[in-house]
Amino acid sequence: MVKQPSIVPFGYEPEKERQGPRGTMWVYDSFADCSAQQLVRTISLAARKEMKKLVFYPLHEETLRRMGEPGATAFYRRADELEELLENIELPVDTVIDRWEGRRKKYTPMDTAFRFLEEKYAGPYFVYLTVDMANTVAGFDSFEFWIKKLRLCIDLKHASSESLHPKLQAFAHRWEAVD
């Protein structure tokens, strides 16, 4: 097939590519003591950023134990409580609870979980974390690889900037504080 030359008038500017919501926000947390107010804040942040999908990713109790959180309740209980809370909230963003880690029924490294989410959902990717989870994630070896591919949204409501992991402070341009 022969290529047809295209003629563009002087001063032509193409339309902006971004039309409508795009990207995915992952909420990587245990959801052990999650309240409706925290969920509303997370959902409103995703709506402000015009996310196409908001993915809640509850962690398995074995993963939490290895991350240093002993005594976590069962995965299915936390996931069911999260689902009940979400049923009572208005959802302006397409919201999903990903139960992949519950089906695995074992420890899932952060790297494996992020690769799974990256393959399943469309980018660009944002990850919503609490300060404690962000400090834990920053301690992993693969953090520097992932911080270049993701944008972190860290909930700093009940923490000071002194309590941040040194790697988080080094990559301060790749994350934003959520009020």
N, C-alpha and C. Protein backbone atom coordinates (compact mmCIF):
# COMPACT_ATOMS: atom_id res chain seq x y z
N MET A 1 0.84 -1.17 0.00
CA MET A 1 0.00 0.00 0.00
C MET A 1 0.89 1.25 0.00
N VAL A 2 0.59 2.19 -0.84
CA VAL A 2 1.38 3.41 -0.97
C VAL A 2 0.93 4.41 0.10
N LYS A 3 1.91 5.04 0.72
CA LYS A 3 1.60 6.04 1.74
C LYS A 3 1.13 7.32 1.08
N GLN A 4 0.04 7.87 1.55
CA GLN A 4 -0.49 9.12 1.02
C GLN A 4 0.12 10.27 1.83
N PRO A 5 0.64 11.27 1.14
CA PRO A 5 1.18 12.41 1.90
C PRO A 5 0.04 13.18 2.57
N SER A 6 0.31 13.64 3.75
CA SER A 6 -0.71 14.41 4.46
C SER A 6 -0.30 15.88 4.48
N ILE A 7 -1.26 16.73 4.32
CA ILE A 7 -1.02 18.16 4.31
C ILE A 7 -1.65 18.73 5.58
N VAL A 8 -0.83 19.49 6.29
CA VAL A 8 -1.27 20.08 7.54
C VAL A 8 -1.20 21.59 7.40
N PRO A 9 -2.26 22.31 7.73
CA PRO A 9 -2.23 23.77 7.62
C PRO A 9 -1.25 24.39 8.62
N PHE A 10 -0.74 25.58 8.25
CA PHE A 10 0.20 26.28 9.11
C PHE A 10 -0.43 26.58 10.46
N GLY A 11 0.30 26.32 11.53
CA GLY A 11 -0.19 26.60 12.87
C GLY A 11 -1.02 25.48 13.47
N TYR A 12 -1.11 24.36 12.77
CA TYR A 12 -1.91 23.23 13.27
C TYR A 12 -1.28 22.66 14.53
N GLU A 13 -2.10 22.45 15.53
CA GLU A 13 -1.66 21.78 16.75
C GLU A 13 -2.56 20.58 16.97
N PRO A 14 -1.97 19.41 17.15
CA PRO A 14 -2.81 18.22 17.36
C PRO A 14 -3.56 18.32 18.69
N GLU A 15 -4.69 17.62 18.75
CA GLU A 15 -5.48 17.62 19.98
C GLU A 15 -4.70 16.95 21.10
N LYS A 16 -5.00 17.36 22.30
CA LYS A 16 -4.35 16.73 23.45
C LYS A 16 -4.74 15.26 23.49
N GLU A 17 -3.74 14.41 23.73
CA GLU A 17 -3.99 12.98 23.73
C GLU A 17 -4.84 12.54 24.91
N ARG A 18 -4.67 13.20 26.02
CA ARG A 18 -5.38 12.77 27.22
C ARG A 18 -6.81 13.29 27.19
N GLN A 19 -7.72 12.39 27.04
CA GLN A 19 -9.14 12.74 27.08
C GLN A 19 -9.81 11.77 28.04
N GLY A 20 -10.22 12.26 29.18
CA GLY A 20 -10.87 11.42 30.16
C GLY A 20 -9.88 10.77 31.11
N PRO A 21 -10.41 9.96 32.01
CA PRO A 21 -9.54 9.34 33.02
C PRO A 21 -8.60 8.31 32.42
N ARG A 22 -7.43 8.18 33.06
CA ARG A 22 -6.47 7.17 32.64
C ARG A 22 -5.61 6.79 33.83
N GLY A 23 -5.01 5.62 33.77
CA GLY A 23 -4.10 5.18 34.81
C GLY A 23 -4.80 4.39 35.91
N THR A 24 -3.97 3.83 36.77
CA THR A 24 -4.45 2.99 37.85
C THR A 24 -3.77 3.38 39.15
N MET A 25 -4.55 3.44 40.21
CA MET A 25 -3.99 3.66 41.54
C MET A 25 -4.16 2.37 42.34
N TRP A 26 -3.03 1.86 42.85
CA TRP A 26 -3.05 0.67 43.69
C TRP A 26 -2.99 1.11 45.14
N VAL A 27 -3.81 0.52 45.98
CA VAL A 27 -3.74 0.77 47.42
C VAL A 27 -3.17 -0.49 48.04
N TYR A 28 -1.90 -0.45 48.40
CA TYR A 28 -1.14 -1.61 48.89
C TYR A 28 -1.07 -1.50 50.41
N ASP A 29 -1.91 -2.29 51.10
CA ASP A 29 -2.00 -2.15 52.55
C ASP A 29 -2.61 -3.40 53.16
N SER A 30 -2.58 -3.47 54.49
CA SER A 30 -3.19 -4.60 55.19
C SER A 30 -4.69 -4.40 55.37
N PHE A 31 -5.14 -3.15 55.45
CA PHE A 31 -6.54 -2.79 55.69
C PHE A 31 -7.05 -3.37 57.01
N ALA A 32 -6.15 -3.51 57.99
CA ALA A 32 -6.53 -4.07 59.28
C ALA A 32 -7.42 -3.10 60.06
N ASP A 33 -7.02 -1.86 60.17
CA ASP A 33 -7.78 -0.86 60.92
C ASP A 33 -8.29 0.23 59.99
N CYS A 34 -8.78 -0.15 58.85
CA CYS A 34 -9.22 0.81 57.85
C CYS A 34 -10.60 1.35 58.20
N SER A 35 -10.75 2.67 58.13
CA SER A 35 -12.04 3.28 58.44
C SER A 35 -12.66 3.83 57.15
N ALA A 36 -13.92 4.17 57.24
CA ALA A 36 -14.64 4.73 56.09
C ALA A 36 -14.04 6.07 55.68
N GLN A 37 -13.57 6.87 56.67
CA GLN A 37 -12.96 8.17 56.35
C GLN A 37 -11.69 8.00 55.53
N GLN A 38 -10.87 6.99 55.88
CA GLN A 38 -9.65 6.75 55.12
C GLN A 38 -9.98 6.33 53.69
N LEU A 39 -10.99 5.50 53.54
CA LEU A 39 -11.39 5.07 52.20
C LEU A 39 -11.92 6.24 51.38
N VAL A 40 -12.69 7.11 52.00
CA VAL A 40 -13.22 8.29 51.30
C VAL A 40 -12.07 9.18 50.84
N ARG A 41 -11.05 9.37 51.68
CA ARG A 41 -9.89 10.17 51.30
C ARG A 41 -9.15 9.54 50.12
N THR A 42 -9.00 8.23 50.15
CA THR A 42 -8.32 7.53 49.07
C THR A 42 -9.11 7.64 47.77
N ILE A 43 -10.41 7.44 47.85
CA ILE A 43 -11.26 7.50 46.66
C ILE A 43 -11.30 8.92 46.10
N SER A 44 -11.35 9.92 46.98
CA SER A 44 -11.37 11.31 46.49
C SER A 44 -10.04 11.68 45.83
N LEU A 45 -8.93 11.15 46.34
CA LEU A 45 -7.64 11.39 45.71
C LEU A 45 -7.61 10.79 44.30
N ALA A 46 -8.11 9.57 44.17
CA ALA A 46 -8.16 8.92 42.85
C ALA A 46 -9.07 9.70 41.90
N ALA A 47 -10.16 10.25 42.41
CA ALA A 47 -11.06 11.04 41.57
C ALA A 47 -10.40 12.35 41.15
N ARG A 48 -9.67 13.00 42.07
CA ARG A 48 -8.97 14.25 41.73
C ARG A 48 -7.89 14.02 40.67
N LYS A 49 -7.22 12.89 40.75
CA LYS A 49 -6.17 12.57 39.78
C LYS A 49 -6.73 11.97 38.49
N GLU A 50 -8.04 11.83 38.43
CA GLU A 50 -8.74 11.28 37.26
C GLU A 50 -8.22 9.90 36.89
N MET A 51 -8.20 9.02 37.88
CA MET A 51 -7.78 7.64 37.66
C MET A 51 -8.89 6.84 36.99
N LYS A 52 -8.51 5.96 36.11
CA LYS A 52 -9.48 5.10 35.44
C LYS A 52 -9.93 3.98 36.37
N LYS A 53 -9.00 3.49 37.20
CA LYS A 53 -9.33 2.37 38.08
C LYS A 53 -8.59 2.53 39.40
N LEU A 54 -9.26 2.17 40.48
CA LEU A 54 -8.69 2.17 41.82
C LEU A 54 -8.69 0.73 42.30
N VAL A 55 -7.51 0.19 42.59
CA VAL A 55 -7.36 -1.22 42.96
C VAL A 55 -6.92 -1.31 44.41
N PHE A 56 -7.76 -1.93 45.23
CA PHE A 56 -7.40 -2.20 46.62
C PHE A 56 -6.75 -3.58 46.66
N TYR A 57 -5.53 -3.64 47.20
CA TYR A 57 -4.77 -4.89 47.22
C TYR A 57 -4.46 -5.26 48.67
N PRO A 58 -5.37 -5.99 49.35
CA PRO A 58 -5.09 -6.40 50.72
C PRO A 58 -4.01 -7.47 50.76
N LEU A 59 -3.14 -7.37 51.75
CA LEU A 59 -2.02 -8.30 51.87
C LEU A 59 -2.40 -9.52 52.70
N HIS A 60 -1.85 -10.66 52.33
CA HIS A 60 -2.07 -11.91 53.06
C HIS A 60 -1.39 -11.82 54.42
N GLU A 61 -1.92 -12.53 55.41
CA GLU A 61 -1.35 -12.46 56.76
C GLU A 61 0.08 -12.98 56.80
N GLU A 62 0.44 -13.92 55.93
CA GLU A 62 1.82 -14.41 55.88
C GLU A 62 2.75 -13.32 55.34
N THR A 63 2.30 -12.56 54.38
CA THR A 63 3.08 -11.43 53.86
C THR A 63 3.27 -10.38 54.95
N LEU A 64 2.20 -10.10 55.69
CA LEU A 64 2.30 -9.11 56.77
C LEU A 64 3.23 -9.59 57.88
N ARG A 65 3.19 -10.88 58.18
CA ARG A 65 4.07 -11.42 59.22
C ARG A 65 5.53 -11.23 58.81
N ARG A 66 5.84 -11.49 57.56
CA ARG A 66 7.22 -11.33 57.09
C ARG A 66 7.63 -9.87 56.98
N MET A 67 6.65 -8.98 56.85
CA MET A 67 6.94 -7.54 56.81
C MET A 67 7.09 -6.96 58.20
N GLY A 68 6.82 -7.75 59.23
CA GLY A 68 6.99 -7.28 60.59
C GLY A 68 5.72 -6.88 61.29
N GLU A 69 4.57 -7.30 60.81
CA GLU A 69 3.28 -7.03 61.46
C GLU A 69 2.69 -8.34 61.97
N PRO A 70 3.07 -8.76 63.16
CA PRO A 70 2.54 -10.04 63.68
C PRO A 70 1.09 -9.89 64.13
N GLY A 71 0.38 -11.00 64.11
CA GLY A 71 -0.99 -11.01 64.64
C GLY A 71 -2.03 -10.40 63.74
N ALA A 72 -1.83 -10.40 62.45
CA ALA A 72 -2.84 -9.85 61.53
C ALA A 72 -4.02 -10.81 61.43
N THR A 73 -5.21 -10.26 61.29
CA THR A 73 -6.40 -11.10 61.13
C THR A 73 -6.36 -11.78 59.76
N ALA A 74 -7.21 -12.75 59.58
CA ALA A 74 -7.23 -13.53 58.35
C ALA A 74 -7.51 -12.65 57.13
N PHE A 75 -6.93 -13.02 56.02
CA PHE A 75 -7.06 -12.25 54.78
C PHE A 75 -8.52 -12.07 54.39
N TYR A 76 -9.27 -13.16 54.39
CA TYR A 76 -10.65 -13.09 53.91
C TYR A 76 -11.51 -12.19 54.79
N ARG A 77 -11.21 -12.13 56.10
CA ARG A 77 -11.98 -11.24 56.99
C ARG A 77 -11.70 -9.78 56.66
N ARG A 78 -10.43 -9.44 56.48
CA ARG A 78 -10.07 -8.06 56.15
C ARG A 78 -10.63 -7.67 54.78
N ALA A 79 -10.57 -8.58 53.82
CA ALA A 79 -11.10 -8.28 52.48
C ALA A 79 -12.62 -8.12 52.51
N ASP A 80 -13.31 -8.95 53.29
CA ASP A 80 -14.77 -8.84 53.40
C ASP A 80 -15.17 -7.54 54.10
N GLU A 81 -14.43 -7.16 55.16
CA GLU A 81 -14.71 -5.89 55.85
C GLU A 81 -14.49 -4.71 54.90
N LEU A 82 -13.44 -4.78 54.11
CA LEU A 82 -13.17 -3.72 53.13
C LEU A 82 -14.30 -3.64 52.11
N GLU A 83 -14.78 -4.78 51.67
CA GLU A 83 -15.88 -4.81 50.70
C GLU A 83 -17.16 -4.21 51.30
N GLU A 84 -17.43 -4.51 52.58
CA GLU A 84 -18.61 -3.94 53.25
C GLU A 84 -18.49 -2.43 53.36
N LEU A 85 -17.29 -1.94 53.70
CA LEU A 85 -17.09 -0.49 53.80
C LEU A 85 -17.29 0.18 52.44
N LEU A 86 -16.80 -0.44 51.39
CA LEU A 86 -16.92 0.15 50.05
C LEU A 86 -18.35 0.16 49.55
N GLU A 87 -19.17 -0.79 50.00
CA GLU A 87 -20.58 -0.82 49.58
C GLU A 87 -21.35 0.39 50.09
N ASN A 88 -20.91 0.96 51.22
CA ASN A 88 -21.61 2.08 51.84
C ASN A 88 -21.08 3.44 51.39
N ILE A 89 -20.13 3.45 50.45
CA ILE A 89 -19.51 4.70 50.01
C ILE A 89 -19.83 4.91 48.53
N GLU A 90 -20.07 6.17 48.17
CA GLU A 90 -20.28 6.51 46.76
C GLU A 90 -18.94 6.43 46.04
N LEU A 91 -18.90 5.72 44.93
CA LEU A 91 -17.65 5.47 44.22
C LEU A 91 -17.64 6.17 42.86
N PRO A 92 -16.98 7.35 42.75
CA PRO A 92 -16.89 8.04 41.46
C PRO A 92 -15.87 7.41 40.52
N VAL A 93 -15.03 6.51 41.05
CA VAL A 93 -13.98 5.85 40.27
C VAL A 93 -14.29 4.35 40.24
N ASP A 94 -13.98 3.69 39.12
CA ASP A 94 -14.14 2.25 39.02
C ASP A 94 -13.21 1.60 40.05
N THR A 95 -13.79 0.86 40.99
CA THR A 95 -13.05 0.32 42.12
C THR A 95 -13.09 -1.20 42.12
N VAL A 96 -11.93 -1.80 42.43
CA VAL A 96 -11.79 -3.26 42.44
C VAL A 96 -11.01 -3.67 43.68
N ILE A 97 -11.42 -4.77 44.31
CA ILE A 97 -10.62 -5.39 45.36
C ILE A 97 -9.94 -6.60 44.73
N ASP A 98 -8.62 -6.55 44.62
CA ASP A 98 -7.89 -7.65 43.98
C ASP A 98 -7.55 -8.69 45.05
N ARG A 99 -8.08 -9.88 44.91
CA ARG A 99 -7.89 -10.94 45.91
C ARG A 99 -6.87 -11.98 45.46
N TRP A 100 -5.95 -11.60 44.60
CA TRP A 100 -4.95 -12.53 44.09
C TRP A 100 -4.09 -13.10 45.21
N GLU A 101 -3.71 -12.26 46.14
CA GLU A 101 -2.85 -12.73 47.23
C GLU A 101 -3.59 -13.72 48.12
N GLY A 102 -4.89 -13.58 48.24
CA GLY A 102 -5.68 -14.53 49.00
C GLY A 102 -5.75 -15.89 48.32
N ARG A 103 -5.75 -15.89 47.00
CA ARG A 103 -5.76 -17.16 46.26
C ARG A 103 -4.40 -17.85 46.34
N ARG A 104 -3.33 -17.07 46.45
CA ARG A 104 -1.99 -17.66 46.56
C ARG A 104 -1.80 -18.34 47.90
N LYS A 105 -2.40 -17.78 48.96
CA LYS A 105 -2.36 -18.33 50.32
C LYS A 105 -0.94 -18.50 50.85
N LYS A 106 -0.06 -17.56 50.50
CA LYS A 106 1.30 -17.60 51.02
C LYS A 106 1.93 -16.22 50.88
N TYR A 107 3.16 -16.12 51.34
CA TYR A 107 3.91 -14.87 51.26
C TYR A 107 4.10 -14.46 49.80
N THR A 108 3.78 -13.21 49.51
CA THR A 108 3.98 -12.66 48.17
C THR A 108 4.89 -11.44 48.29
N PRO A 109 6.10 -11.48 47.74
CA PRO A 109 6.97 -10.31 47.81
C PRO A 109 6.35 -9.12 47.08
N MET A 110 6.73 -7.93 47.51
CA MET A 110 6.22 -6.70 46.90
C MET A 110 6.50 -6.69 45.40
N ASP A 111 7.67 -7.14 45.03
CA ASP A 111 8.08 -7.17 43.63
C ASP A 111 7.13 -8.03 42.79
N THR A 112 6.78 -9.19 43.30
CA THR A 112 5.86 -10.09 42.59
C THR A 112 4.46 -9.48 42.50
N ALA A 113 4.00 -8.88 43.59
CA ALA A 113 2.67 -8.27 43.60
C ALA A 113 2.60 -7.10 42.61
N PHE A 114 3.63 -6.25 42.60
CA PHE A 114 3.63 -5.11 41.68
C PHE A 114 3.72 -5.57 40.23
N ARG A 115 4.49 -6.62 39.96
CA ARG A 115 4.55 -7.13 38.58
C ARG A 115 3.19 -7.66 38.14
N PHE A 116 2.51 -8.36 39.04
CA PHE A 116 1.18 -8.88 38.73
C PHE A 116 0.22 -7.73 38.41
N LEU A 117 0.21 -6.69 39.26
CA LEU A 117 -0.68 -5.55 39.06
C LEU A 117 -0.32 -4.79 37.79
N GLU A 118 0.97 -4.70 37.48
CA GLU A 118 1.41 -4.00 36.28
C GLU A 118 0.93 -4.73 35.02
N GLU A 119 0.96 -6.06 35.05
CA GLU A 119 0.50 -6.83 33.89
C GLU A 119 -1.02 -6.78 33.73
N LYS A 120 -1.73 -6.68 34.85
CA LYS A 120 -3.19 -6.78 34.81
C LYS A 120 -3.88 -5.45 34.49
N TYR A 121 -3.32 -4.33 34.96
CA TYR A 121 -3.98 -3.03 34.83
C TYR A 121 -3.16 -2.07 33.97
N ALA A 122 -3.86 -1.09 33.40
CA ALA A 122 -3.22 -0.11 32.51
C ALA A 122 -2.51 0.98 33.30
N GLY A 123 -1.42 1.48 32.75
CA GLY A 123 -0.64 2.54 33.37
C GLY A 123 -1.14 3.91 32.96
N PRO A 124 -0.59 4.96 33.46
CA PRO A 124 0.48 5.06 34.45
C PRO A 124 0.02 4.61 35.83
N TYR A 125 0.99 4.26 36.68
CA TYR A 125 0.67 3.65 37.96
C TYR A 125 0.99 4.59 39.12
N PHE A 126 0.06 4.63 40.06
CA PHE A 126 0.21 5.36 41.31
C PHE A 126 -0.03 4.35 42.43
N VAL A 127 0.73 4.46 43.51
CA VAL A 127 0.56 3.56 44.65
C VAL A 127 0.28 4.40 45.88
N TYR A 128 -0.86 4.13 46.52
CA TYR A 128 -1.25 4.82 47.74
C TYR A 128 -0.78 3.98 48.93
N LEU A 129 0.03 4.58 49.81
CA LEU A 129 0.60 3.87 50.96
C LEU A 129 0.44 4.70 52.23
N THR A 130 0.33 4.01 53.35
CA THR A 130 0.45 4.68 54.64
C THR A 130 1.94 4.89 54.90
N VAL A 131 2.28 5.71 55.89
CA VAL A 131 3.69 5.98 56.19
C VAL A 131 4.40 4.71 56.61
N ASP A 132 3.76 3.90 57.46
CA ASP A 132 4.40 2.67 57.92
C ASP A 132 4.67 1.72 56.76
N MET A 133 3.70 1.56 55.88
CA MET A 133 3.88 0.67 54.73
C MET A 133 4.92 1.25 53.77
N ALA A 134 4.94 2.57 53.60
CA ALA A 134 5.93 3.20 52.71
C ALA A 134 7.34 2.97 53.25
N ASN A 135 7.53 3.09 54.56
CA ASN A 135 8.85 2.83 55.14
C ASN A 135 9.25 1.37 54.98
N THR A 136 8.30 0.46 55.11
CA THR A 136 8.58 -0.96 54.92
C THR A 136 8.96 -1.24 53.47
N VAL A 137 8.18 -0.70 52.54
CA VAL A 137 8.43 -0.91 51.11
C VAL A 137 9.78 -0.31 50.71
N ALA A 138 10.14 0.83 51.28
CA ALA A 138 11.41 1.48 50.94
C ALA A 138 12.61 0.67 51.41
N GLY A 139 12.41 -0.21 52.37
CA GLY A 139 13.49 -1.05 52.86
C GLY A 139 13.83 -2.23 51.96
N PHE A 140 13.00 -2.53 50.98
CA PHE A 140 13.24 -3.66 50.09
C PHE A 140 14.28 -3.30 49.03
N ASP A 141 15.00 -4.33 48.55
CA ASP A 141 16.04 -4.11 47.54
C ASP A 141 15.46 -3.61 46.22
N SER A 142 14.27 -4.08 45.87
CA SER A 142 13.69 -3.72 44.57
C SER A 142 13.01 -2.34 44.59
N PHE A 143 13.08 -1.62 45.71
CA PHE A 143 12.42 -0.32 45.80
C PHE A 143 12.93 0.65 44.74
N GLU A 144 14.23 0.72 44.56
CA GLU A 144 14.79 1.67 43.59
C GLU A 144 14.34 1.37 42.17
N PHE A 145 14.15 0.10 41.84
CA PHE A 145 13.64 -0.27 40.52
C PHE A 145 12.21 0.21 40.36
N TRP A 146 11.37 -0.01 41.37
CA TRP A 146 9.95 0.32 41.26
C TRP A 146 9.66 1.81 41.41
N ILE A 147 10.46 2.53 42.17
CA ILE A 147 10.18 3.95 42.36
C ILE A 147 10.36 4.71 41.04
N LYS A 148 11.11 4.15 40.12
CA LYS A 148 11.29 4.77 38.80
C LYS A 148 10.12 4.50 37.88
N LYS A 149 9.33 3.46 38.17
CA LYS A 149 8.19 3.10 37.32
C LYS A 149 6.86 3.58 37.89
N LEU A 150 6.84 3.89 39.18
CA LEU A 150 5.60 4.24 39.88
C LEU A 150 5.69 5.65 40.44
N ARG A 151 4.57 6.15 40.83
CA ARG A 151 4.50 7.41 41.58
C ARG A 151 3.80 7.08 42.88
N LEU A 152 4.43 7.38 44.01
CA LEU A 152 3.86 7.07 45.31
C LEU A 152 3.03 8.23 45.84
N CYS A 153 1.93 7.89 46.48
CA CYS A 153 1.10 8.85 47.22
C CYS A 153 1.11 8.36 48.66
N ILE A 154 1.81 9.08 49.53
CA ILE A 154 2.00 8.64 50.90
C ILE A 154 1.11 9.45 51.83
N ASP A 155 0.35 8.75 52.64
CA ASP A 155 -0.57 9.37 53.59
C ASP A 155 0.23 9.79 54.83
N LEU A 156 0.49 11.09 54.96
CA LEU A 156 1.30 11.62 56.05
C LEU A 156 0.46 12.26 57.15
N LYS A 157 -0.79 11.89 57.25
CA LYS A 157 -1.69 12.59 58.17
C LYS A 157 -1.22 12.51 59.62
N HIS A 158 -0.79 11.34 60.05
CA HIS A 158 -0.41 11.17 61.45
C HIS A 158 1.09 10.95 61.63
N ALA A 159 1.91 11.47 60.73
CA ALA A 159 3.35 11.26 60.84
C ALA A 159 4.10 12.53 60.48
N SER A 160 5.33 12.60 60.96
CA SER A 160 6.18 13.74 60.62
C SER A 160 7.18 13.30 59.56
N SER A 161 7.79 14.27 58.90
CA SER A 161 8.72 13.94 57.82
C SER A 161 10.00 13.29 58.35
N GLU A 162 10.28 13.42 59.65
CA GLU A 162 11.48 12.80 60.23
C GLU A 162 11.36 11.28 60.28
N SER A 163 10.15 10.76 60.23
CA SER A 163 9.96 9.32 60.36
C SER A 163 10.05 8.58 59.02
N LEU A 164 10.50 9.25 57.98
CA LEU A 164 10.59 8.63 56.66
C LEU A 164 11.91 7.87 56.48
N HIS A 165 11.85 6.79 55.73
CA HIS A 165 13.01 5.98 55.40
C HIS A 165 13.98 6.83 54.57
N PRO A 166 15.30 6.63 54.73
CA PRO A 166 16.26 7.43 53.94
C PRO A 166 16.08 7.31 52.43
N LYS A 167 15.66 6.14 51.94
CA LYS A 167 15.44 6.00 50.49
C LYS A 167 14.25 6.84 50.03
N LEU A 168 13.24 6.97 50.89
CA LEU A 168 12.10 7.83 50.55
C LEU A 168 12.55 9.29 50.49
N GLN A 169 13.41 9.68 51.40
CA GLN A 169 13.91 11.05 51.38
C GLN A 169 14.79 11.29 50.16
N ALA A 170 15.54 10.27 49.74
CA ALA A 170 16.40 10.42 48.56
C ALA A 170 15.57 10.55 47.28
N PHE A 171 14.42 9.86 47.23
CA PHE A 171 13.55 9.91 46.06
C PHE A 171 12.32 10.77 46.32
N ALA A 172 12.48 11.87 47.02
CA ALA A 172 11.35 12.73 47.38
C ALA A 172 10.64 13.31 46.16
N HIS A 173 11.32 13.40 45.04
CA HIS A 173 10.69 13.91 43.81
C HIS A 173 9.76 12.89 43.16
N ARG A 174 9.76 11.64 43.61
CA ARG A 174 8.93 10.59 43.02
C ARG A 174 7.71 10.24 43.86
N TRP A 175 7.48 10.96 44.94
CA TRP A 175 6.28 10.72 45.73
C TRP A 175 5.70 12.04 46.20
N GLU A 176 4.42 11.99 46.53
CA GLU A 176 3.75 13.19 47.02
C GLU A 176 3.01 12.87 48.31
N ALA A 177 2.92 13.86 49.15
CA ALA A 177 2.22 13.71 50.42
C ALA A 177 0.72 13.90 50.21
N VAL A 178 -0.05 13.07 50.88
CA VAL A 178 -1.51 13.16 50.81
C VAL A 178 -1.99 13.71 52.14
N ASP A 179 -2.81 14.75 52.08
CA ASP A 179 -3.34 15.35 53.31
C ASP A 179 -4.66 14.74 53.68
